[in-house]
Amino acid sequence: MPWAGGRSPGKTLPLIVVAAALAGCGIGLLGAVVFGQFVIVTFPVALAAMPAAVAAGTAWIRHRSCLPVGTIS
């Protein structure tokens, strides 16, 4: 399926990856403040948040740049 104008995931993937890394770092830093010495609790959450942010960003770009299925003949 071709990308209908706009940005393709190839152009925005570096931005999505940076946003995912910032999300992971933010969760880690916030966990250090909130949990103190139990910061290890937030490590699995940060690891899960990074691929989830990449998947969500890619899905959002695809949703905004692809034609709806009903318009394709």
C-alpha atoms as a PDB file:
ATOM      1  CA  MET A   1       0.000   0.000   0.000  1.00  0.00           C
ATOM      2  CA  PRO A   2       1.578   3.298  -1.005  1.00  0.00           C
ATOM      3  CA  TRP A   3       1.914   6.171   1.403  1.00  0.00           C
ATOM      4  CA  ALA A   4      -0.464   8.933   0.361  1.00  0.00           C
ATOM      5  CA  GLY A   5       1.723  11.991   0.656  1.00  0.00           C
ATOM      6  CA  GLY A   6       2.814  13.447   3.946  1.00  0.00           C
ATOM      7  CA  ARG A   7       5.478  11.789   5.979  1.00  0.00           C
ATOM      8  CA  SER A   8       6.417   8.174   5.697  1.00  0.00           C
ATOM      9  CA  PRO A   9       7.678   6.139   8.652  1.00  0.00           C
ATOM     10  CA  GLY A  10      11.141   6.204   7.100  1.00  0.00           C
ATOM     11  CA  LYS A  11      11.307   9.976   7.451  1.00  0.00           C
ATOM     12  CA  THR A  12       9.869  10.141  10.955  1.00  0.00           C
ATOM     13  CA  LEU A  13      11.396   7.006  12.464  1.00  0.00           C
ATOM     14  CA  PRO A  14      14.402   8.832  13.975  1.00  0.00           C
ATOM     15  CA  LEU A  15      12.029  11.250  15.704  1.00  0.00           C
ATOM     16  CA  ILE A  16       9.910   8.356  16.968  1.00  0.00           C
ATOM     17  CA  VAL A  17      12.984   6.555  18.325  1.00  0.00           C
ATOM     18  CA  VAL A  18      14.186   9.712  20.097  1.00  0.00           C
ATOM     19  CA  ALA A  19      10.728  10.153  21.634  1.00  0.00           C
ATOM     20  CA  ALA A  20      10.806   6.532  22.817  1.00  0.00           C
ATOM     21  CA  ALA A  21      14.236   7.003  24.381  1.00  0.00           C
ATOM     22  CA  LEU A  22      13.062  10.166  26.120  1.00  0.00           C
ATOM     23  CA  ALA A  23      10.001   8.317  27.405  1.00  0.00           C
ATOM     24  CA  GLY A  24      12.202   5.574  28.841  1.00  0.00           C
ATOM     25  CA  CYS A  25      14.574   8.077  30.429  1.00  0.00           C
ATOM     26  CA  GLY A  26      11.683  10.102  31.807  1.00  0.00           C
ATOM     27  CA  ILE A  27      10.146   7.044  33.405  1.00  0.00           C
ATOM     28  CA  GLY A  28      13.523   6.119  34.887  1.00  0.00           C
ATOM     29  CA  LEU A  29      14.149   9.586  36.301  1.00  0.00           C
ATOM     30  CA  LEU A  30      10.625   9.931  37.644  1.00  0.00           C
ATOM     31  CA  GLY A  31      10.927   6.490  39.204  1.00  0.00           C
ATOM     32  CA  ALA A  32      14.148   7.531  40.928  1.00  0.00           C
ATOM     33  CA  VAL A  33      12.357  10.495  42.484  1.00  0.00           C
ATOM     34  CA  VAL A  34       9.190   8.615  43.429  1.00  0.00           C
ATOM     35  CA  PHE A  35      10.587   5.250  44.518  1.00  0.00           C
ATOM     36  CA  GLY A  36      13.990   6.344  45.803  1.00  0.00           C
ATOM     37  CA  GLN A  37      16.108   3.292  46.444  1.00  0.00           C
ATOM     38  CA  PHE A  38      13.553   1.006  44.753  1.00  0.00           C
ATOM     39  CA  VAL A  39      14.220   2.485  41.310  1.00  0.00           C
ATOM     40  CA  ILE A  40      14.691  -1.051  39.960  1.00  0.00           C
ATOM     41  CA  VAL A  41      10.894  -1.291  39.965  1.00  0.00           C
ATOM     42  CA  THR A  42      10.661   1.239  37.130  1.00  0.00           C
ATOM     43  CA  PHE A  43      13.268  -0.454  34.918  1.00  0.00           C
ATOM     44  CA  PRO A  44      10.852  -3.033  33.419  1.00  0.00           C
ATOM     45  CA  VAL A  45       8.252  -0.303  32.926  1.00  0.00           C
ATOM     46  CA  ALA A  46      10.759   1.837  31.019  1.00  0.00           C
ATOM     47  CA  LEU A  47      11.784  -1.153  28.911  1.00  0.00           C
ATOM     48  CA  ALA A  48       8.152  -1.812  28.004  1.00  0.00           C
ATOM     49  CA  ALA A  49       7.423   1.859  27.307  1.00  0.00           C
ATOM     50  CA  MET A  50      10.103   2.274  24.655  1.00  0.00           C
ATOM     51  CA  PRO A  51       8.836  -0.306  22.118  1.00  0.00           C
ATOM     52  CA  ALA A  52       5.271   0.728  22.919  1.00  0.00           C
ATOM     53  CA  ALA A  53       6.132   4.340  22.048  1.00  0.00           C
ATOM     54  CA  VAL A  54       7.715   3.246  18.756  1.00  0.00           C
ATOM     55  CA  ALA A  55       4.668   1.138  17.876  1.00  0.00           C
ATOM     56  CA  ALA A  56       2.260   3.927  18.770  1.00  0.00           C
ATOM     57  CA  GLY A  57       4.235   6.530  16.821  1.00  0.00           C
ATOM     58  CA  THR A  58       4.453   4.342  13.745  1.00  0.00           C
ATOM     59  CA  ALA A  59       0.736   3.548  13.897  1.00  0.00           C
ATOM     60  CA  TRP A  60      -0.082   7.245  14.263  1.00  0.00           C
ATOM     61  CA  ILE A  61       2.045   8.202  11.247  1.00  0.00           C
ATOM     62  CA  ARG A  62       0.514   5.397   9.197  1.00  0.00           C
ATOM     63  CA  HIS A  63      -2.978   6.454  10.216  1.00  0.00           C
ATOM     64  CA  ARG A  64      -2.315  10.066   9.213  1.00  0.00           C
ATOM     65  CA  SER A  65      -0.582   9.322   5.925  1.00  0.00           C
ATOM     66  CA  CYS A  66      -2.354   6.287   4.417  1.00  0.00           C
ATOM     67  CA  LEU A  67      -5.580   6.355   2.475  1.00  0.00           C
ATOM     68  CA  PRO A  68      -8.589   4.745   4.169  1.00  0.00           C
ATOM     69  CA  VAL A  69      -9.294   1.207   3.029  1.00  0.00           C
ATOM     70  CA  GLY A  70     -12.703   2.157   1.576  1.00  0.00           C
ATOM     71  CA  THR A  71     -11.174   4.648  -0.892  1.00  0.00           C
ATOM     72  CA  ILE A  72      -8.821   2.115  -2.484  1.00  0.00           C
ATOM     73  CA  SER A  73     -10.365   0.461  -5.528  1.00  0.00           C
END
